[in-house]
Amino acid sequence: MGRTPKFSKRMDKFMLYSLTAGKKALQDGGVNEDVMEELDKTKCGVLIGSAMGGMKVFNDAIEALRISYRKMNPFCVPFATTNMGSTMLAMDLGWMGPNYSI
């Protein structure tokens, strides 16, 4: 579970909240490191309910665009999508099954 520090400076807060809440939910459900090692990660996925996310990244991109398109964060479009919370959690856990945000 090591990608979080690398991306944490670029992420919107909703993605960090999704990572933290997802990991805590797994712990509460009894999915610890021993269980994680036994899982077939190609069949594990993430499902997170989210109405919206990434608004800060999107707003920052709009503000940067007023200055110059070169000032825009290249990650603004993917990081502004609602399903990035579930995607980042799946990437952090190494799960390669279907991932959704509803």
Protein backbone atom coordinates (compact mmCIF):
# COMPACT_ATOMS: atom_id res chain seq x y z
CA MET A 1 0.00 0.00 0.00
CA GLY A 2 2.63 2.48 -1.03
CA ARG A 3 1.36 4.83 -3.71
CA THR A 4 -0.43 7.23 -1.40
CA PRO A 5 2.57 9.43 -0.46
CA LYS A 6 3.61 9.72 -4.10
CA PHE A 7 0.22 11.00 -5.26
CA SER A 8 -0.95 12.80 -2.11
CA LYS A 9 0.40 16.18 -3.23
CA ARG A 10 -1.47 15.97 -6.53
CA MET A 11 -4.73 14.46 -5.31
CA ASP A 12 -7.93 16.19 -4.44
CA LYS A 13 -9.00 15.77 -0.82
CA PHE A 14 -11.91 13.50 -1.80
CA MET A 15 -9.42 10.94 -3.12
CA LEU A 16 -7.45 10.98 0.12
CA TYR A 17 -10.69 10.55 2.07
CA SER A 18 -11.64 7.61 -0.18
CA LEU A 19 -8.27 5.96 0.43
CA THR A 20 -8.44 6.41 4.18
CA ALA A 21 -12.09 5.36 4.51
CA GLY A 22 -11.58 2.36 2.23
CA LYS A 23 -8.59 1.09 4.19
CA LYS A 24 -10.40 1.58 7.49
CA ALA A 25 -13.44 -0.28 6.13
CA LEU A 26 -11.22 -3.23 5.17
CA GLN A 27 -9.68 -3.27 8.65
CA ASP A 28 -13.11 -3.10 10.29
CA GLY A 29 -14.24 -5.97 8.07
CA GLY A 30 -11.32 -8.13 9.22
CA VAL A 31 -9.36 -7.95 5.96
CA ASN A 32 -5.85 -7.71 7.37
CA GLU A 33 -2.45 -8.31 5.73
CA ASP A 34 -2.77 -12.11 6.05
CA VAL A 35 -6.12 -12.12 4.28
CA MET A 36 -4.82 -9.70 1.62
CA GLU A 37 -1.98 -12.06 0.73
CA GLU A 38 -4.44 -14.90 0.08
CA LEU A 39 -6.75 -12.87 -2.17
CA ASP A 40 -6.70 -13.23 -5.95
CA LYS A 41 -6.15 -9.56 -6.75
CA THR A 42 -7.33 -10.01 -10.33
CA LYS A 43 -10.80 -10.78 -8.96
CA CYS A 44 -10.92 -8.03 -6.32
CA GLY A 45 -12.47 -4.64 -7.06
CA VAL A 46 -13.63 -1.50 -5.35
CA LEU A 47 -17.11 0.02 -5.23
CA ILE A 48 -17.50 3.48 -3.72
CA GLY A 49 -20.66 5.59 -3.66
CA SER A 50 -19.84 9.17 -4.54
CA ALA A 51 -21.98 11.96 -5.96
CA MET A 52 -19.14 14.26 -6.93
CA GLY A 53 -15.46 14.74 -6.41
CA GLY A 54 -12.40 16.56 -7.61
CA MET A 55 -13.92 20.00 -7.50
CA LYS A 56 -10.82 21.65 -6.02
CA VAL A 57 -8.59 20.24 -8.76
CA PHE A 58 -11.12 21.37 -11.36
CA ASN A 59 -11.42 24.85 -9.83
CA ASP A 60 -7.63 25.22 -9.65
CA ALA A 61 -7.42 24.26 -13.34
CA ILE A 62 -9.97 26.92 -14.28
CA GLU A 63 -8.05 29.55 -12.30
CA ALA A 64 -4.77 28.49 -13.95
CA LEU A 65 -6.40 28.58 -17.37
CA ARG A 66 -7.20 32.25 -16.86
CA ILE A 67 -3.44 32.89 -16.72
CA SER A 68 -2.24 30.43 -19.37
CA TYR A 69 -3.05 26.93 -20.52
CA ARG A 70 0.56 26.03 -19.67
CA LYS A 71 -0.18 26.60 -15.98
CA MET A 72 -2.86 23.89 -15.90
CA ASN A 73 -2.25 20.68 -14.01
CA PRO A 74 -2.08 17.86 -16.60
CA PHE A 75 -3.96 15.63 -14.15
CA CYS A 76 -6.92 18.00 -13.77
CA VAL A 77 -9.32 16.06 -16.00
CA PRO A 78 -8.67 12.53 -14.66
CA PHE A 79 -8.42 13.73 -11.06
CA ALA A 80 -11.70 15.64 -11.36
CA THR A 81 -13.73 12.55 -12.31
CA THR A 82 -15.92 10.95 -9.68
CA ASN A 83 -14.48 7.45 -10.05
CA MET A 84 -10.92 8.47 -9.17
CA GLY A 85 -11.55 7.72 -5.48
CA SER A 86 -12.23 4.05 -6.22
CA THR A 87 -9.47 3.95 -8.82
CA MET A 88 -6.81 5.27 -6.45
CA LEU A 89 -7.88 2.85 -3.72
CA ALA A 90 -7.75 -0.09 -6.14
CA MET A 91 -4.32 1.00 -7.38
CA ASP A 92 -3.05 1.39 -3.82
CA LEU A 93 -4.28 -2.09 -2.87
CA GLY A 94 -3.10 -3.66 -6.13
CA TRP A 95 -6.59 -4.89 -6.99
CA MET A 96 -7.15 -5.40 -10.70
CA GLY A 97 -10.82 -6.42 -10.85
CA PRO A 98 -13.71 -4.14 -11.77
CA ASN A 99 -13.74 -0.76 -10.04
CA TYR A 100 -16.75 1.51 -9.93
CA SER A 101 -17.98 4.68 -8.40
CA ILE A 102 -21.74 5.06 -8.22
